[in-house]
């Protein structure tokens, strides 16, 4: 399999492997993670979907392997936030020239909540928003237009504003087995050989 491939559904150009198009070293993408966009150019994911992601904060967006990111999903970083510690909502520290402030104190305008970390085989639905500092576990599903403000457990389904857990995808036993097997870490050929069991939900055949 060609890991440098950009368009996995050629001749269609609405789906990309993100690892092949993202250039920012602070955005780390696993193999086969894909993004679909029928409105904007999906190769511009870094510009259109990763918001307020500025080097001054040293934050990372980390996604595992085999994730599915739907059209319009957004990842909102710290600089889109305003600190709640200030007496003013107005972000005075970013207007250093206007108010005679120091550039090195600019980050006082927001509360840094850290990296956004997405596990493996996560499905993020249409126009969902993942907020700064959120960690999403392996196998989770994020519903359409959900706003995710808190961590999401592995194989949970969340939806709403703010997002809340609707249910688990599988039993605790099956989830534990999947987290132990970690099929996403297999070589692609082994995944190919086990696709029937994976697609049909036959976890016992993967043991």
N, C-alpha and C. Protein backbone atom coordinates (compact mmCIF):
# COMPACT_ATOMS: atom_id res chain seq x y z
N UNK A 1 0.84 -1.20 0.00
CA UNK A 1 0.00 0.00 0.00
C UNK A 1 0.88 1.25 0.00
N UNK A 2 0.49 2.24 -0.77
CA UNK A 2 1.26 3.47 -0.91
C UNK A 2 0.88 4.46 0.19
N UNK A 3 1.73 4.58 1.22
CA UNK A 3 1.43 5.46 2.34
C UNK A 3 1.51 6.94 1.96
N UNK A 4 2.14 7.25 0.83
CA UNK A 4 2.22 8.62 0.38
C UNK A 4 1.03 9.04 -0.47
N UNK A 5 0.12 8.14 -0.69
CA UNK A 5 -1.07 8.44 -1.50
C UNK A 5 -1.90 9.54 -0.85
N UNK A 6 -2.39 10.47 -1.67
CA UNK A 6 -3.23 11.57 -1.16
C UNK A 6 -4.70 11.22 -1.26
N UNK A 7 -5.14 10.76 -2.43
CA UNK A 7 -6.56 10.52 -2.69
C UNK A 7 -6.84 9.01 -2.73
N UNK A 8 -7.36 8.43 -1.64
CA UNK A 8 -7.58 6.98 -1.60
C UNK A 8 -8.76 6.49 -2.43
N UNK A 9 -9.59 7.43 -2.94
CA UNK A 9 -10.77 7.05 -3.71
C UNK A 9 -10.71 7.62 -5.12
N UNK A 10 -9.51 7.70 -5.67
CA UNK A 10 -9.37 8.24 -7.02
C UNK A 10 -10.28 7.51 -7.99
N UNK A 11 -10.89 8.27 -8.94
CA UNK A 11 -10.59 9.64 -9.35
C UNK A 11 -11.25 10.73 -8.51
N UNK A 12 -11.99 10.36 -7.46
CA UNK A 12 -12.68 11.37 -6.64
C UNK A 12 -11.65 12.11 -5.79
N UNK A 13 -11.85 13.43 -5.65
CA UNK A 13 -10.90 14.29 -4.95
C UNK A 13 -11.48 14.87 -3.66
N UNK A 14 -12.55 14.26 -3.14
CA UNK A 14 -13.18 14.81 -1.94
C UNK A 14 -12.68 14.16 -0.65
N UNK A 15 -11.84 13.15 -0.77
CA UNK A 15 -11.33 12.44 0.39
C UNK A 15 -9.81 12.35 0.30
N UNK A 16 -9.14 12.66 1.43
CA UNK A 16 -7.68 12.61 1.45
C UNK A 16 -7.19 11.82 2.65
N UNK A 17 -6.01 11.25 2.51
CA UNK A 17 -5.27 10.75 3.67
C UNK A 17 -4.57 11.97 4.28
N UNK A 18 -4.91 12.29 5.51
CA UNK A 18 -4.41 13.52 6.11
C UNK A 18 -2.89 13.53 6.27
N UNK A 19 -2.32 12.38 6.52
CA UNK A 19 -0.88 12.33 6.72
C UNK A 19 -0.12 12.83 5.49
N UNK A 20 -0.74 12.71 4.33
CA UNK A 20 -0.08 13.10 3.08
C UNK A 20 -0.22 14.59 2.78
N UNK A 21 -1.12 15.29 3.47
CA UNK A 21 -1.37 16.70 3.12
C UNK A 21 -1.02 17.68 4.23
N UNK A 22 -0.92 17.21 5.47
CA UNK A 22 -0.62 18.10 6.58
C UNK A 22 0.89 18.30 6.68
N UNK A 23 1.32 19.55 6.80
CA UNK A 23 2.75 19.87 6.83
C UNK A 23 3.24 20.33 8.20
N UNK A 24 2.37 20.85 9.03
CA UNK A 24 2.75 21.38 10.34
C UNK A 24 3.25 20.23 11.22
N UNK A 25 4.50 20.28 11.71
CA UNK A 25 5.03 19.19 12.53
C UNK A 25 4.33 19.03 13.88
N UNK A 26 3.55 20.03 14.29
CA UNK A 26 2.80 19.91 15.54
C UNK A 26 1.43 19.27 15.33
N UNK A 27 1.14 18.88 14.09
CA UNK A 27 -0.06 18.09 13.78
C UNK A 27 0.41 16.70 13.36
N UNK A 28 0.14 15.72 14.18
CA UNK A 28 0.68 14.37 13.98
C UNK A 28 -0.48 13.44 13.63
N UNK A 29 -0.41 12.84 12.46
CA UNK A 29 -1.52 12.04 11.92
C UNK A 29 -1.07 10.61 11.69
N UNK A 30 -1.89 9.65 12.11
CA UNK A 30 -1.59 8.24 11.90
C UNK A 30 -1.93 7.77 10.49
N UNK A 31 -1.39 6.63 10.13
CA UNK A 31 -1.62 6.04 8.81
C UNK A 31 -3.11 5.80 8.57
N UNK A 32 -3.54 6.04 7.34
CA UNK A 32 -4.88 5.75 6.83
C UNK A 32 -5.98 6.63 7.42
N UNK A 33 -5.65 7.56 8.30
CA UNK A 33 -6.66 8.50 8.79
C UNK A 33 -7.07 9.41 7.64
N UNK A 34 -8.38 9.53 7.44
CA UNK A 34 -8.85 10.24 6.25
C UNK A 34 -9.83 11.35 6.61
N UNK A 35 -9.89 12.34 5.71
CA UNK A 35 -10.82 13.46 5.84
C UNK A 35 -11.60 13.60 4.55
N UNK A 36 -12.92 13.77 4.68
CA UNK A 36 -13.80 13.95 3.52
C UNK A 36 -14.42 15.33 3.56
N UNK A 37 -14.37 16.04 2.44
CA UNK A 37 -14.97 17.38 2.37
C UNK A 37 -15.48 17.62 0.95
N UNK A 38 -16.80 17.78 0.81
CA UNK A 38 -17.38 18.03 -0.51
C UNK A 38 -17.67 19.51 -0.71
N UNK A 39 -17.33 20.35 0.29
CA UNK A 39 -17.57 21.78 0.19
C UNK A 39 -16.28 22.53 -0.12
N UNK A 40 -15.25 22.26 0.67
CA UNK A 40 -13.94 22.89 0.49
C UNK A 40 -12.91 21.87 0.04
N UNK A 41 -11.75 22.34 -0.35
CA UNK A 41 -10.66 21.48 -0.77
C UNK A 41 -10.14 20.70 0.45
N UNK A 42 -10.28 19.38 0.48
CA UNK A 42 -9.85 18.63 1.66
C UNK A 42 -8.35 18.68 1.92
N UNK A 43 -7.57 19.03 0.89
CA UNK A 43 -6.12 19.13 1.10
C UNK A 43 -5.78 20.35 1.95
N UNK A 44 -6.76 21.25 2.15
CA UNK A 44 -6.55 22.45 2.97
C UNK A 44 -7.05 22.26 4.40
N UNK A 45 -7.10 21.02 4.84
CA UNK A 45 -7.57 20.69 6.20
C UNK A 45 -6.84 21.50 7.26
N UNK A 46 -5.54 21.59 7.15
CA UNK A 46 -4.72 22.29 8.15
C UNK A 46 -5.16 23.75 8.29
N UNK A 47 -5.50 24.37 7.19
CA UNK A 47 -5.91 25.79 7.19
C UNK A 47 -7.36 25.96 7.62
N UNK A 48 -8.25 25.10 7.12
CA UNK A 48 -9.69 25.30 7.30
C UNK A 48 -10.28 24.66 8.54
N UNK A 49 -9.61 23.64 9.07
CA UNK A 49 -10.23 22.84 10.12
C UNK A 49 -9.50 22.87 11.47
N UNK A 50 -8.24 23.26 11.44
CA UNK A 50 -7.47 23.35 12.68
C UNK A 50 -7.36 24.83 13.02
N UNK A 51 -8.16 25.28 13.99
CA UNK A 51 -8.37 26.71 14.22
C UNK A 51 -7.60 27.24 15.43
N UNK A 52 -7.13 28.48 15.30
CA UNK A 52 -6.42 29.16 16.38
C UNK A 52 -5.22 28.36 16.89
N UNK A 53 -4.56 27.71 15.97
CA UNK A 53 -3.44 26.84 16.33
C UNK A 53 -2.13 27.57 16.04
N UNK A 54 -1.66 28.33 17.03
CA UNK A 54 -0.51 29.19 16.83
C UNK A 54 0.72 28.66 17.56
N UNK A 55 1.90 28.80 16.97
CA UNK A 55 3.14 28.25 17.56
C UNK A 55 3.43 28.74 18.96
N UNK A 56 2.98 29.94 19.32
CA UNK A 56 3.29 30.49 20.63
C UNK A 56 2.80 29.61 21.78
N UNK A 57 1.77 28.78 21.51
CA UNK A 57 1.19 27.94 22.56
C UNK A 57 1.80 26.54 22.65
N UNK A 58 2.55 26.15 21.62
CA UNK A 58 3.23 24.85 21.60
C UNK A 58 2.28 23.67 21.83
N UNK A 59 1.07 23.79 21.27
CA UNK A 59 0.09 22.71 21.38
C UNK A 59 0.19 21.79 20.17
N UNK A 60 -0.30 20.57 20.34
CA UNK A 60 -0.29 19.62 19.24
C UNK A 60 -1.70 19.06 19.01
N UNK A 61 -1.95 18.72 17.75
CA UNK A 61 -3.11 17.91 17.39
C UNK A 61 -2.56 16.55 17.02
N UNK A 62 -2.96 15.53 17.77
CA UNK A 62 -2.46 14.18 17.54
C UNK A 62 -3.65 13.28 17.23
N UNK A 63 -3.60 12.62 16.08
CA UNK A 63 -4.65 11.67 15.68
C UNK A 63 -4.01 10.32 15.42
N UNK A 64 -4.68 9.28 15.86
CA UNK A 64 -4.20 7.93 15.62
C UNK A 64 -4.47 7.45 14.20
N UNK A 65 -4.39 6.16 14.02
CA UNK A 65 -4.57 5.53 12.72
C UNK A 65 -6.05 5.24 12.45
N UNK A 66 -6.40 5.17 11.18
CA UNK A 66 -7.72 4.73 10.71
C UNK A 66 -8.87 5.60 11.25
N UNK A 67 -8.61 6.87 11.50
CA UNK A 67 -9.70 7.76 11.91
C UNK A 67 -10.47 8.25 10.69
N UNK A 68 -11.73 8.56 10.90
CA UNK A 68 -12.61 9.05 9.83
C UNK A 68 -13.15 10.41 10.25
N UNK A 69 -12.72 11.45 9.53
CA UNK A 69 -13.11 12.81 9.88
C UNK A 69 -14.07 13.34 8.82
N UNK A 70 -15.27 13.67 9.25
CA UNK A 70 -16.30 14.11 8.30
C UNK A 70 -16.16 15.59 7.95
N UNK A 71 -16.82 15.96 6.89
CA UNK A 71 -16.79 17.32 6.34
C UNK A 71 -17.08 18.36 7.42
N UNK A 72 -16.22 19.38 7.49
CA UNK A 72 -16.48 20.51 8.36
C UNK A 72 -16.13 20.33 9.82
N UNK A 73 -15.60 19.17 10.21
CA UNK A 73 -15.19 19.00 11.60
C UNK A 73 -14.08 20.00 11.93
N UNK A 74 -14.12 20.56 13.14
CA UNK A 74 -13.17 21.58 13.54
C UNK A 74 -12.46 21.18 14.83
N UNK A 75 -11.21 21.62 14.91
CA UNK A 75 -10.39 21.39 16.10
C UNK A 75 -9.98 22.77 16.62
N UNK A 76 -10.54 23.16 17.76
CA UNK A 76 -10.43 24.51 18.28
C UNK A 76 -9.36 24.59 19.35
N UNK A 77 -8.31 25.37 19.07
CA UNK A 77 -7.19 25.44 20.01
C UNK A 77 -7.27 26.68 20.91
N UNK A 78 -6.30 26.74 21.81
CA UNK A 78 -6.29 27.68 22.93
C UNK A 78 -6.52 29.13 22.54
N UNK A 79 -5.92 29.60 21.46
CA UNK A 79 -6.01 31.02 21.14
C UNK A 79 -7.41 31.45 20.73
N UNK A 80 -8.32 30.50 20.51
CA UNK A 80 -9.72 30.83 20.27
C UNK A 80 -10.49 31.01 21.57
N UNK A 81 -9.78 30.81 22.67
CA UNK A 81 -10.37 30.91 23.99
C UNK A 81 -10.03 32.28 24.58
N UNK A 82 -10.82 32.77 25.51
CA UNK A 82 -10.48 33.96 26.30
C UNK A 82 -10.39 33.52 27.75
N UNK A 83 -9.38 33.98 28.45
CA UNK A 83 -9.24 33.58 29.84
C UNK A 83 -10.44 34.02 30.67
N UNK A 84 -10.80 33.20 31.63
CA UNK A 84 -11.88 33.56 32.56
C UNK A 84 -11.31 34.12 33.86
N UNK A 85 -9.99 34.22 33.93
CA UNK A 85 -9.35 34.77 35.14
C UNK A 85 -9.35 36.29 35.13
N UNK A 86 -9.45 36.87 33.94
CA UNK A 86 -9.42 38.33 33.81
C UNK A 86 -10.76 38.94 34.23
N UNK A 87 -10.71 40.20 34.65
CA UNK A 87 -11.95 40.91 34.95
C UNK A 87 -12.66 41.35 33.68
N UNK A 88 -11.94 41.27 32.55
CA UNK A 88 -12.51 41.67 31.25
C UNK A 88 -12.53 40.47 30.31
N UNK A 89 -13.59 40.36 29.52
CA UNK A 89 -13.61 39.37 28.44
C UNK A 89 -12.72 39.79 27.28
N UNK A 90 -12.48 41.08 27.16
CA UNK A 90 -11.67 41.62 26.06
C UNK A 90 -10.23 41.15 26.20
N UNK A 91 -9.63 40.62 25.11
CA UNK A 91 -8.27 40.06 25.19
C UNK A 91 -7.18 41.13 25.06
N UNK A 92 -7.08 41.97 26.06
CA UNK A 92 -6.08 43.04 26.02
C UNK A 92 -4.67 42.56 25.68
N UNK A 93 -4.18 41.42 26.23
CA UNK A 93 -2.77 41.05 26.01
C UNK A 93 -2.37 40.82 24.56
N UNK A 94 -3.34 40.58 23.65
CA UNK A 94 -2.93 40.35 22.26
C UNK A 94 -2.71 41.66 21.50
N UNK A 95 -3.17 42.78 22.07
CA UNK A 95 -2.99 44.08 21.42
C UNK A 95 -1.82 44.81 22.08
N UNK A 96 -0.64 44.24 21.86
CA UNK A 96 0.54 44.72 22.59
C UNK A 96 0.89 46.17 22.26
N UNK A 97 0.76 46.57 21.01
CA UNK A 97 1.11 47.94 20.62
C UNK A 97 0.08 48.95 21.11
N UNK A 98 -1.17 48.57 21.02
CA UNK A 98 -2.24 49.48 21.41
C UNK A 98 -2.18 49.87 22.88
N UNK A 99 -1.80 48.88 23.73
CA UNK A 99 -1.86 49.10 25.17
C UNK A 99 -0.48 49.09 25.84
N UNK A 100 0.59 49.06 25.04
CA UNK A 100 1.93 49.11 25.60
C UNK A 100 2.28 47.89 26.44
N UNK A 101 1.85 46.73 26.00
CA UNK A 101 2.09 45.48 26.74
C UNK A 101 3.24 44.70 26.13
N UNK A 102 3.68 43.65 26.80
CA UNK A 102 4.81 42.86 26.37
C UNK A 102 4.36 41.66 25.54
N UNK A 103 5.08 41.41 24.44
CA UNK A 103 4.75 40.27 23.58
C UNK A 103 4.81 38.96 24.35
N UNK A 104 5.80 38.83 25.25
CA UNK A 104 5.96 37.56 25.97
C UNK A 104 4.81 37.28 26.94
N UNK A 105 3.97 38.29 27.20
CA UNK A 105 2.81 38.09 28.07
C UNK A 105 1.52 37.89 27.28
N UNK A 106 1.63 37.74 25.96
CA UNK A 106 0.45 37.62 25.11
C UNK A 106 -0.44 36.44 25.51
N UNK A 107 0.18 35.34 25.94
CA UNK A 107 -0.60 34.14 26.26
C UNK A 107 -1.48 34.30 27.49
N UNK A 108 -1.36 35.43 28.18
CA UNK A 108 -2.26 35.68 29.31
C UNK A 108 -3.68 35.98 28.83
N UNK A 109 -3.86 36.12 27.51
CA UNK A 109 -5.19 36.38 26.96
C UNK A 109 -6.09 35.15 26.97
N UNK A 110 -5.50 33.96 27.16
CA UNK A 110 -6.30 32.74 27.11
C UNK A 110 -5.80 31.75 28.15
N UNK A 111 -6.59 30.71 28.39
CA UNK A 111 -6.22 29.62 29.29
C UNK A 111 -5.78 28.43 28.45
N UNK A 112 -4.52 28.04 28.57
CA UNK A 112 -3.99 26.95 27.75
C UNK A 112 -4.38 25.60 28.35
N UNK A 113 -5.16 24.84 27.61
CA UNK A 113 -5.63 23.54 28.10
C UNK A 113 -4.89 22.37 27.47
N UNK A 114 -3.91 22.65 26.61
CA UNK A 114 -3.04 21.60 26.11
C UNK A 114 -3.47 20.96 24.80
N UNK A 115 -2.84 19.83 24.49
CA UNK A 115 -3.01 19.14 23.22
C UNK A 115 -4.42 18.58 23.05
N UNK A 116 -4.84 18.45 21.80
CA UNK A 116 -6.00 17.64 21.44
C UNK A 116 -5.47 16.30 20.98
N UNK A 117 -5.93 15.24 21.61
CA UNK A 117 -5.42 13.90 21.28
C UNK A 117 -6.59 13.00 20.89
N UNK A 118 -6.54 12.49 19.68
CA UNK A 118 -7.57 11.61 19.14
C UNK A 118 -6.98 10.21 19.02
N UNK A 119 -7.68 9.21 19.52
CA UNK A 119 -7.18 7.84 19.46
C UNK A 119 -7.25 7.26 18.07
N UNK A 120 -7.24 5.95 17.99
CA UNK A 120 -7.29 5.22 16.73
C UNK A 120 -8.73 4.83 16.40
N UNK A 121 -9.04 4.75 15.10
CA UNK A 121 -10.35 4.30 14.64
C UNK A 121 -11.48 5.14 15.22
N UNK A 122 -11.26 6.44 15.35
CA UNK A 122 -12.28 7.36 15.85
C UNK A 122 -13.03 7.95 14.65
N UNK A 123 -14.33 8.05 14.77
CA UNK A 123 -15.18 8.66 13.74
C UNK A 123 -15.70 9.98 14.29
N UNK A 124 -15.35 11.07 13.63
CA UNK A 124 -15.80 12.40 14.03
C UNK A 124 -16.79 12.90 12.98
N UNK A 125 -18.02 13.14 13.40
CA UNK A 125 -19.12 13.43 12.48
C UNK A 125 -19.12 14.83 11.91
N UNK A 126 -20.02 15.05 11.00
CA UNK A 126 -20.17 16.29 10.24
C UNK A 126 -20.24 17.52 11.14
N UNK A 127 -19.33 18.46 10.92
CA UNK A 127 -19.28 19.75 11.59
C UNK A 127 -19.18 19.65 13.11
N UNK A 128 -18.67 18.54 13.62
CA UNK A 128 -18.40 18.45 15.05
C UNK A 128 -17.24 19.37 15.40
N UNK A 129 -17.23 19.84 16.64
CA UNK A 129 -16.15 20.72 17.12
C UNK A 129 -15.49 20.06 18.32
N UNK A 130 -14.18 19.89 18.23
CA UNK A 130 -13.41 19.31 19.33
C UNK A 130 -12.63 20.46 19.98
N UNK A 131 -12.88 20.68 21.26
CA UNK A 131 -12.28 21.82 21.94
C UNK A 131 -10.89 21.50 22.48
N UNK A 132 -10.16 22.55 22.82
CA UNK A 132 -8.78 22.42 23.27
C UNK A 132 -8.66 21.52 24.49
N UNK A 133 -7.59 20.73 24.51
CA UNK A 133 -7.30 19.88 25.66
C UNK A 133 -8.07 18.58 25.73
N UNK A 134 -8.97 18.33 24.79
CA UNK A 134 -9.81 17.12 24.84
C UNK A 134 -9.03 15.90 24.35
N UNK A 135 -9.23 14.77 25.03
CA UNK A 135 -8.68 13.48 24.63
C UNK A 135 -9.84 12.56 24.27
N UNK A 136 -9.78 11.95 23.10
CA UNK A 136 -10.84 11.04 22.64
C UNK A 136 -10.25 9.64 22.51
N UNK A 137 -10.88 8.67 23.15
CA UNK A 137 -10.36 7.31 23.19
C UNK A 137 -10.56 6.55 21.89
N UNK A 138 -9.84 5.45 21.76
CA UNK A 138 -9.93 4.59 20.58
C UNK A 138 -11.38 4.17 20.33
N UNK A 139 -11.74 4.12 19.05
CA UNK A 139 -13.03 3.56 18.67
C UNK A 139 -14.24 4.41 18.97
N UNK A 140 -14.05 5.62 19.47
CA UNK A 140 -15.20 6.47 19.83
C UNK A 140 -15.87 7.04 18.59
N UNK A 141 -17.12 7.45 18.77
CA UNK A 141 -17.89 8.12 17.71
C UNK A 141 -18.37 9.47 18.24
N UNK A 142 -18.10 10.52 17.47
CA UNK A 142 -18.54 11.87 17.82
C UNK A 142 -19.66 12.26 16.87
N UNK A 143 -20.83 12.55 17.40
CA UNK A 143 -22.00 12.80 16.59
C UNK A 143 -21.94 14.10 15.80
N UNK A 144 -22.79 14.18 14.79
CA UNK A 144 -22.90 15.38 13.95
C UNK A 144 -23.12 16.63 14.79
N UNK A 145 -22.30 17.64 14.53
CA UNK A 145 -22.38 18.97 15.16
C UNK A 145 -22.27 18.93 16.68
N UNK A 146 -21.72 17.87 17.20
CA UNK A 146 -21.44 17.83 18.64
C UNK A 146 -20.33 18.83 18.96
N UNK A 147 -20.37 19.37 20.17
CA UNK A 147 -19.28 20.21 20.68
C UNK A 147 -18.66 19.48 21.86
N UNK A 148 -17.46 18.97 21.65
CA UNK A 148 -16.83 18.10 22.64
C UNK A 148 -15.93 18.93 23.54
N UNK A 149 -16.33 19.06 24.79
CA UNK A 149 -15.60 19.89 25.75
C UNK A 149 -14.88 19.06 26.81
N UNK A 150 -15.18 17.76 26.87
CA UNK A 150 -14.57 16.88 27.88
C UNK A 150 -14.07 15.61 27.21
N UNK A 151 -13.19 14.90 27.90
CA UNK A 151 -12.62 13.67 27.37
C UNK A 151 -13.72 12.65 27.06
N UNK A 152 -13.46 11.82 26.06
CA UNK A 152 -14.40 10.79 25.62
C UNK A 152 -13.76 9.42 25.81
N UNK A 153 -14.48 8.51 26.43
CA UNK A 153 -13.95 7.17 26.71
C UNK A 153 -13.84 6.35 25.43
N UNK A 154 -12.96 5.35 25.42
CA UNK A 154 -12.88 4.46 24.26
C UNK A 154 -14.23 3.81 23.94
N UNK A 155 -14.56 3.77 22.67
CA UNK A 155 -15.76 3.12 22.14
C UNK A 155 -17.06 3.72 22.68
N UNK A 156 -17.00 4.96 23.16
CA UNK A 156 -18.23 5.67 23.54
C UNK A 156 -18.80 6.39 22.34
N UNK A 157 -20.12 6.59 22.33
CA UNK A 157 -20.79 7.42 21.34
C UNK A 157 -21.27 8.67 22.07
N UNK A 158 -20.83 9.84 21.60
CA UNK A 158 -21.24 11.08 22.24
C UNK A 158 -21.91 11.98 21.21
N UNK A 159 -22.82 12.83 21.70
CA UNK A 159 -23.53 13.76 20.82
C UNK A 159 -24.06 14.91 21.65
N UNK A 160 -24.39 16.01 20.98
CA UNK A 160 -25.03 17.14 21.64
C UNK A 160 -24.10 18.29 21.91
N UNK A 161 -24.68 19.35 22.51
CA UNK A 161 -23.95 20.57 22.84
C UNK A 161 -24.26 20.94 24.30
N UNK A 162 -23.33 20.76 25.21
CA UNK A 162 -22.04 20.08 25.01
C UNK A 162 -22.25 18.58 24.86
N UNK A 163 -21.29 17.91 24.25
CA UNK A 163 -21.44 16.49 23.98
C UNK A 163 -21.52 15.67 25.27
N UNK A 164 -22.43 14.72 25.26
CA UNK A 164 -22.57 13.79 26.39
C UNK A 164 -22.62 12.36 25.84
N UNK A 165 -22.24 11.41 26.68
CA UNK A 165 -22.24 10.01 26.26
C UNK A 165 -23.67 9.50 26.07
N UNK A 166 -23.93 8.95 24.89
CA UNK A 166 -25.23 8.36 24.60
C UNK A 166 -25.25 6.89 24.99
N UNK A 167 -24.20 6.20 24.59
CA UNK A 167 -24.06 4.79 24.95
C UNK A 167 -22.67 4.32 24.56
N UNK A 168 -22.35 3.08 24.96
CA UNK A 168 -21.11 2.45 24.51
C UNK A 168 -21.41 1.63 23.27
N UNK A 169 -20.44 1.53 22.39
CA UNK A 169 -20.65 0.78 21.15
C UNK A 169 -20.76 -0.71 21.41
N UNK A 170 -19.99 -1.21 22.37
CA UNK A 170 -19.93 -2.64 22.64
C UNK A 170 -19.96 -2.88 24.15
N UNK A 171 -20.04 -4.14 24.53
CA UNK A 171 -19.97 -4.50 25.94
C UNK A 171 -18.58 -4.20 26.49
N UNK A 172 -18.49 -4.11 27.81
CA UNK A 172 -17.19 -3.86 28.45
C UNK A 172 -16.18 -4.94 28.08
N UNK A 173 -16.65 -6.18 27.96
CA UNK A 173 -15.76 -7.29 27.62
C UNK A 173 -15.19 -7.12 26.21
N UNK A 174 -16.07 -6.77 25.27
CA UNK A 174 -15.62 -6.58 23.89
C UNK A 174 -14.67 -5.38 23.78
N UNK A 175 -14.99 -4.30 24.47
CA UNK A 175 -14.12 -3.13 24.46
C UNK A 175 -12.74 -3.49 24.99
N UNK A 176 -12.71 -4.23 26.09
CA UNK A 176 -11.43 -4.64 26.67
C UNK A 176 -10.63 -5.50 25.69
N UNK A 177 -11.32 -6.38 24.97
CA UNK A 177 -10.65 -7.24 23.98
C UNK A 177 -10.06 -6.40 22.85
N UNK A 178 -10.86 -5.44 22.35
CA UNK A 178 -10.40 -4.60 21.25
C UNK A 178 -9.20 -3.74 21.65
N UNK A 179 -9.23 -3.23 22.87
CA UNK A 179 -8.11 -2.41 23.35
C UNK A 179 -6.86 -3.25 23.58
N UNK A 180 -7.07 -4.54 23.82
CA UNK A 180 -5.94 -5.46 23.97
C UNK A 180 -5.38 -5.87 22.61
N UNK A 181 -6.27 -6.14 21.66
CA UNK A 181 -5.87 -6.59 20.31
C UNK A 181 -5.17 -5.48 19.54
N UNK A 182 -5.73 -4.24 19.62
CA UNK A 182 -5.17 -3.08 18.90
C UNK A 182 -4.93 -3.40 17.41
N UNK A 183 -5.98 -3.81 16.72
CA UNK A 183 -5.81 -4.23 15.32
C UNK A 183 -5.21 -3.12 14.46
N UNK A 184 -5.42 -1.86 14.84
CA UNK A 184 -4.91 -0.74 14.05
C UNK A 184 -3.38 -0.67 14.03
N UNK A 185 -2.74 -1.39 14.96
CA UNK A 185 -1.28 -1.43 14.97
C UNK A 185 -0.72 -2.57 14.12
N UNK A 186 -1.61 -3.41 13.57
CA UNK A 186 -1.15 -4.49 12.70
C UNK A 186 -0.59 -3.93 11.40
N UNK A 187 0.22 -4.72 10.75
CA UNK A 187 0.66 -4.38 9.40
C UNK A 187 -0.56 -4.41 8.46
N UNK A 188 -0.59 -3.54 7.44
CA UNK A 188 -1.76 -3.48 6.56
C UNK A 188 -2.17 -4.83 5.97
N UNK A 189 -1.20 -5.67 5.67
CA UNK A 189 -1.55 -6.97 5.09
C UNK A 189 -2.31 -7.84 6.09
N UNK A 190 -1.94 -7.77 7.37
CA UNK A 190 -2.68 -8.53 8.38
C UNK A 190 -4.09 -7.97 8.54
N UNK A 191 -4.23 -6.64 8.47
CA UNK A 191 -5.56 -6.03 8.51
C UNK A 191 -6.39 -6.55 7.34
N UNK A 192 -5.78 -6.57 6.15
CA UNK A 192 -6.48 -7.04 4.96
C UNK A 192 -6.97 -8.49 5.16
N UNK A 193 -6.13 -9.31 5.73
CA UNK A 193 -6.47 -10.73 5.93
C UNK A 193 -7.61 -10.91 6.93
N UNK A 194 -7.80 -9.92 7.81
CA UNK A 194 -8.82 -10.04 8.86
C UNK A 194 -10.01 -9.10 8.64
N UNK A 195 -10.11 -8.54 7.43
CA UNK A 195 -11.16 -7.55 7.18
C UNK A 195 -12.56 -8.12 7.37
N UNK A 196 -12.77 -9.34 6.98
CA UNK A 196 -14.11 -9.92 7.11
C UNK A 196 -14.57 -9.91 8.56
N UNK A 197 -13.68 -10.33 9.47
CA UNK A 197 -14.02 -10.34 10.90
C UNK A 197 -14.19 -8.93 11.43
N UNK A 198 -13.33 -8.00 11.00
CA UNK A 198 -13.42 -6.62 11.47
C UNK A 198 -14.73 -5.98 11.01
N UNK A 199 -15.03 -6.11 9.73
CA UNK A 199 -16.23 -5.47 9.16
C UNK A 199 -17.50 -6.06 9.76
N UNK A 200 -17.51 -7.37 10.00
CA UNK A 200 -18.73 -8.04 10.49
C UNK A 200 -18.81 -8.10 12.01
N UNK A 201 -17.86 -7.47 12.70
CA UNK A 201 -17.93 -7.39 14.16
C UNK A 201 -17.64 -8.67 14.89
N UNK A 202 -16.83 -9.53 14.32
CA UNK A 202 -16.54 -10.84 14.92
C UNK A 202 -15.22 -10.77 15.69
N UNK A 203 -15.28 -10.14 16.87
CA UNK A 203 -14.07 -9.92 17.65
C UNK A 203 -13.41 -11.24 18.07
N UNK A 204 -14.22 -12.27 18.25
CA UNK A 204 -13.66 -13.56 18.67
C UNK A 204 -12.71 -14.14 17.63
N UNK A 205 -12.88 -13.75 16.38
CA UNK A 205 -11.99 -14.25 15.33
C UNK A 205 -10.66 -13.49 15.27
N UNK A 206 -10.55 -12.40 16.03
CA UNK A 206 -9.33 -11.61 16.02
C UNK A 206 -8.40 -11.97 17.18
N UNK A 207 -8.88 -12.80 18.08
CA UNK A 207 -8.09 -13.14 19.27
C UNK A 207 -6.87 -13.97 18.91
